Amino acid sequence: NDAAVRVYGFSREEFLTMTLRDIRPPEDVPELLRQTPHPRPLGQSTAEKWRHQTKYGIVFPVIITSWELTFRDRPAELVLARREDSE
């Protein structure tokens, strides 16, 4: 979305080729890999603190909230990333 393009500095085209590893600081990737994927029951949500980084290497705190759901008869996850330092 437009907000992600603005905050992270990547183009829409770049985002389409990226994974979670690409927006995490390299030192946080091992913990990311340890924690994902851990399926949760449908409808259950989580909220966790993480760090993300921009295209230019600027690291900032985020609150990640995610919900397990079904989308078009397939398991899916809706994820909201919100800068912790924003209101």
N, C-alpha and C. Protein backbone atom coordinates (compact mmCIF):
# COMPACT_ATOMS: atom_id res chain seq x y z
N ASN A 1 0.84 -1.19 0.00
CA ASN A 1 0.00 0.00 0.00
C ASN A 1 0.88 1.25 0.00
N ASP A 2 0.26 2.38 -0.19
CA ASP A 2 1.01 3.64 -0.28
C ASP A 2 1.80 3.95 0.98
N ALA A 3 1.22 3.64 2.15
CA ALA A 3 1.92 3.92 3.40
C ALA A 3 3.19 3.10 3.51
N ALA A 4 3.15 1.84 3.16
CA ALA A 4 4.35 0.99 3.22
C ALA A 4 5.42 1.48 2.26
N VAL A 5 5.03 1.86 1.07
CA VAL A 5 5.98 2.39 0.09
C VAL A 5 6.66 3.64 0.66
N ARG A 6 5.88 4.49 1.27
CA ARG A 6 6.41 5.73 1.84
C ARG A 6 7.34 5.45 3.03
N VAL A 7 6.94 4.59 3.95
CA VAL A 7 7.73 4.33 5.17
C VAL A 7 8.99 3.54 4.88
N TYR A 8 8.89 2.50 4.07
CA TYR A 8 10.02 1.60 3.85
C TYR A 8 10.95 2.05 2.73
N GLY A 9 10.44 2.85 1.80
CA GLY A 9 11.27 3.36 0.72
C GLY A 9 11.43 2.43 -0.47
N PHE A 10 10.79 1.27 -0.43
CA PHE A 10 10.83 0.35 -1.57
C PHE A 10 9.68 0.68 -2.51
N SER A 11 9.86 0.41 -3.78
CA SER A 11 8.77 0.59 -4.73
C SER A 11 7.78 -0.58 -4.59
N ARG A 12 6.60 -0.40 -5.15
CA ARG A 12 5.62 -1.50 -5.15
C ARG A 12 6.20 -2.73 -5.84
N GLU A 13 6.90 -2.54 -6.91
CA GLU A 13 7.50 -3.64 -7.65
C GLU A 13 8.53 -4.38 -6.79
N GLU A 14 9.33 -3.62 -6.05
CA GLU A 14 10.31 -4.25 -5.16
C GLU A 14 9.61 -5.06 -4.07
N PHE A 15 8.56 -4.50 -3.46
CA PHE A 15 7.83 -5.22 -2.42
C PHE A 15 7.31 -6.56 -2.91
N LEU A 16 6.88 -6.62 -4.15
CA LEU A 16 6.32 -7.87 -4.69
C LEU A 16 7.34 -9.00 -4.77
N THR A 17 8.62 -8.67 -4.75
CA THR A 17 9.66 -9.69 -4.84
C THR A 17 10.30 -10.00 -3.48
N MET A 18 9.84 -9.35 -2.43
CA MET A 18 10.49 -9.44 -1.12
C MET A 18 9.82 -10.44 -0.19
N THR A 19 10.59 -10.86 0.82
CA THR A 19 10.08 -11.68 1.91
C THR A 19 10.27 -10.92 3.22
N LEU A 20 9.80 -11.49 4.31
CA LEU A 20 9.99 -10.86 5.62
C LEU A 20 11.46 -10.61 5.94
N ARG A 21 12.31 -11.49 5.49
CA ARG A 21 13.74 -11.33 5.75
C ARG A 21 14.28 -10.00 5.22
N ASP A 22 13.68 -9.52 4.16
CA ASP A 22 14.18 -8.31 3.50
C ASP A 22 13.87 -7.02 4.27
N ILE A 23 12.92 -7.06 5.19
CA ILE A 23 12.60 -5.85 5.95
C ILE A 23 13.02 -5.99 7.41
N ARG A 24 13.69 -7.06 7.75
CA ARG A 24 14.21 -7.23 9.10
C ARG A 24 15.70 -6.95 9.10
N PRO A 25 16.23 -6.36 10.15
CA PRO A 25 17.68 -6.20 10.24
C PRO A 25 18.32 -7.60 10.21
N PRO A 26 19.45 -7.76 9.55
CA PRO A 26 20.07 -9.08 9.41
C PRO A 26 20.24 -9.82 10.74
N GLU A 27 20.56 -9.10 11.79
CA GLU A 27 20.77 -9.75 13.08
C GLU A 27 19.48 -10.29 13.70
N ASP A 28 18.31 -9.86 13.20
CA ASP A 28 17.02 -10.33 13.71
C ASP A 28 16.48 -11.53 12.92
N VAL A 29 17.07 -11.84 11.78
CA VAL A 29 16.55 -12.90 10.92
C VAL A 29 16.58 -14.28 11.59
N PRO A 30 17.64 -14.67 12.32
CA PRO A 30 17.60 -15.99 12.97
C PRO A 30 16.40 -16.16 13.91
N GLU A 31 16.07 -15.13 14.67
CA GLU A 31 14.90 -15.21 15.55
C GLU A 31 13.61 -15.29 14.74
N LEU A 32 13.52 -14.56 13.65
CA LEU A 32 12.37 -14.63 12.76
C LEU A 32 12.18 -16.07 12.27
N LEU A 33 13.25 -16.69 11.84
CA LEU A 33 13.17 -18.06 11.31
C LEU A 33 12.79 -19.06 12.40
N ARG A 34 13.21 -18.82 13.63
CA ARG A 34 12.83 -19.71 14.74
C ARG A 34 11.34 -19.60 15.05
N GLN A 35 10.78 -18.43 14.88
CA GLN A 35 9.38 -18.21 15.28
C GLN A 35 8.36 -18.47 14.18
N THR A 36 8.78 -18.57 12.94
CA THR A 36 7.82 -18.76 11.85
C THR A 36 8.14 -20.03 11.09
N PRO A 37 7.21 -20.72 10.54
CA PRO A 37 5.77 -20.54 10.76
C PRO A 37 5.30 -21.39 11.94
N HIS A 38 4.50 -20.82 12.79
CA HIS A 38 3.84 -21.53 13.87
C HIS A 38 2.34 -21.30 13.72
N PRO A 39 1.65 -22.22 13.06
CA PRO A 39 0.21 -22.01 12.83
C PRO A 39 -0.56 -21.83 14.15
N ARG A 40 -1.56 -20.98 14.11
CA ARG A 40 -2.44 -20.76 15.25
C ARG A 40 -3.85 -21.14 14.84
N PRO A 41 -4.72 -21.36 15.82
CA PRO A 41 -6.12 -21.65 15.48
C PRO A 41 -6.75 -20.48 14.72
N LEU A 42 -7.68 -20.80 13.85
CA LEU A 42 -8.39 -19.80 13.06
C LEU A 42 -9.00 -18.75 13.97
N GLY A 43 -8.88 -17.49 13.58
CA GLY A 43 -9.46 -16.39 14.34
C GLY A 43 -8.58 -15.89 15.46
N GLN A 44 -7.54 -16.61 15.82
CA GLN A 44 -6.66 -16.17 16.90
C GLN A 44 -5.71 -15.10 16.39
N SER A 45 -5.45 -14.12 17.23
CA SER A 45 -4.54 -13.04 16.84
C SER A 45 -3.35 -12.98 17.78
N THR A 46 -2.29 -12.34 17.33
CA THR A 46 -1.12 -12.10 18.16
C THR A 46 -0.66 -10.67 17.94
N ALA A 47 0.05 -10.14 18.91
CA ALA A 47 0.68 -8.83 18.77
C ALA A 47 2.09 -8.96 19.33
N GLU A 48 3.07 -8.62 18.54
CA GLU A 48 4.47 -8.77 18.93
C GLU A 48 5.27 -7.54 18.54
N LYS A 49 6.33 -7.28 19.29
CA LYS A 49 7.27 -6.21 18.94
C LYS A 49 8.39 -6.81 18.10
N TRP A 50 8.71 -6.11 17.02
CA TRP A 50 9.82 -6.49 16.15
C TRP A 50 10.54 -5.22 15.73
N ARG A 51 11.58 -5.41 14.94
CA ARG A 51 12.26 -4.28 14.31
C ARG A 51 12.22 -4.49 12.81
N HIS A 52 11.96 -3.44 12.09
CA HIS A 52 12.01 -3.46 10.63
C HIS A 52 13.06 -2.46 10.18
N GLN A 53 13.42 -2.55 8.90
CA GLN A 53 14.36 -1.57 8.37
C GLN A 53 13.91 -1.11 7.00
N THR A 54 14.28 0.12 6.70
CA THR A 54 13.94 0.72 5.42
C THR A 54 14.92 0.24 4.36
N LYS A 55 14.64 0.62 3.14
CA LYS A 55 15.54 0.32 2.02
C LYS A 55 16.93 0.87 2.28
N TYR A 56 17.00 1.93 3.06
CA TYR A 56 18.27 2.62 3.31
C TYR A 56 18.94 2.19 4.61
N GLY A 57 18.40 1.13 5.25
CA GLY A 57 19.02 0.57 6.44
C GLY A 57 18.63 1.22 7.75
N ILE A 58 17.66 2.12 7.75
CA ILE A 58 17.20 2.74 8.99
C ILE A 58 16.29 1.75 9.72
N VAL A 59 16.64 1.43 10.96
CA VAL A 59 15.90 0.45 11.75
C VAL A 59 14.91 1.19 12.66
N PHE A 60 13.69 0.66 12.75
CA PHE A 60 12.67 1.26 13.60
C PHE A 60 11.81 0.17 14.22
N PRO A 61 11.24 0.44 15.41
CA PRO A 61 10.41 -0.56 16.09
C PRO A 61 9.01 -0.62 15.47
N VAL A 62 8.44 -1.83 15.42
CA VAL A 62 7.08 -2.02 14.92
C VAL A 62 6.32 -2.96 15.85
N ILE A 63 5.02 -2.78 15.87
CA ILE A 63 4.13 -3.73 16.52
C ILE A 63 3.45 -4.49 15.39
N ILE A 64 3.62 -5.79 15.39
CA ILE A 64 3.01 -6.65 14.37
C ILE A 64 1.81 -7.34 14.98
N THR A 65 0.64 -7.12 14.40
CA THR A 65 -0.57 -7.79 14.83
C THR A 65 -1.02 -8.65 13.66
N SER A 66 -1.30 -9.93 13.95
CA SER A 66 -1.70 -10.82 12.86
C SER A 66 -2.89 -11.68 13.29
N TRP A 67 -3.70 -12.05 12.31
CA TRP A 67 -4.88 -12.87 12.53
C TRP A 67 -4.87 -14.02 11.54
N GLU A 68 -5.12 -15.22 12.03
CA GLU A 68 -5.30 -16.38 11.16
C GLU A 68 -6.75 -16.35 10.65
N LEU A 69 -6.93 -16.59 9.35
CA LEU A 69 -8.27 -16.56 8.77
C LEU A 69 -8.32 -17.44 7.54
N THR A 70 -9.50 -17.56 6.98
CA THR A 70 -9.69 -18.28 5.72
C THR A 70 -10.03 -17.26 4.65
N PHE A 71 -9.33 -17.33 3.53
CA PHE A 71 -9.56 -16.42 2.42
C PHE A 71 -9.69 -17.26 1.15
N ARG A 72 -10.83 -17.15 0.51
CA ARG A 72 -11.11 -17.94 -0.70
C ARG A 72 -10.87 -19.43 -0.44
N ASP A 73 -11.40 -19.88 0.69
CA ASP A 73 -11.33 -21.30 1.10
C ASP A 73 -9.92 -21.81 1.36
N ARG A 74 -8.99 -20.90 1.62
CA ARG A 74 -7.61 -21.30 1.92
C ARG A 74 -7.16 -20.62 3.21
N PRO A 75 -6.29 -21.28 3.98
CA PRO A 75 -5.75 -20.64 5.18
C PRO A 75 -4.93 -19.42 4.78
N ALA A 76 -5.08 -18.35 5.54
CA ALA A 76 -4.36 -17.12 5.25
C ALA A 76 -4.05 -16.41 6.56
N GLU A 77 -3.27 -15.36 6.47
CA GLU A 77 -2.94 -14.55 7.64
C GLU A 77 -3.00 -13.09 7.23
N LEU A 78 -3.71 -12.31 8.02
CA LEU A 78 -3.78 -10.86 7.83
C LEU A 78 -2.80 -10.25 8.82
N VAL A 79 -1.89 -9.41 8.31
CA VAL A 79 -0.84 -8.85 9.16
C VAL A 79 -0.86 -7.33 9.06
N LEU A 80 -0.83 -6.69 10.21
CA LEU A 80 -0.76 -5.24 10.30
C LEU A 80 0.54 -4.87 11.00
N ALA A 81 1.36 -4.07 10.35
CA ALA A 81 2.61 -3.57 10.94
C ALA A 81 2.43 -2.10 11.24
N ARG A 82 2.64 -1.71 12.49
CA ARG A 82 2.48 -0.32 12.90
C ARG A 82 3.75 0.13 13.60
N ARG A 83 4.30 1.25 13.14
CA ARG A 83 5.50 1.79 13.81
C ARG A 83 5.17 2.05 15.26
N GLU A 84 6.01 1.53 16.13
CA GLU A 84 5.77 1.69 17.56
C GLU A 84 5.90 3.14 17.99
N ASP A 85 6.74 3.89 17.30
CA ASP A 85 6.96 5.28 17.69
C ASP A 85 5.98 6.25 17.03
N SER A 86 4.96 5.72 16.34
CA SER A 86 3.95 6.61 15.73
C SER A 86 2.66 6.52 16.52
N GLU A 87 1.88 7.52 16.42
CA GLU A 87 0.59 7.57 17.12
C GLU A 87 -0.53 7.33 16.16
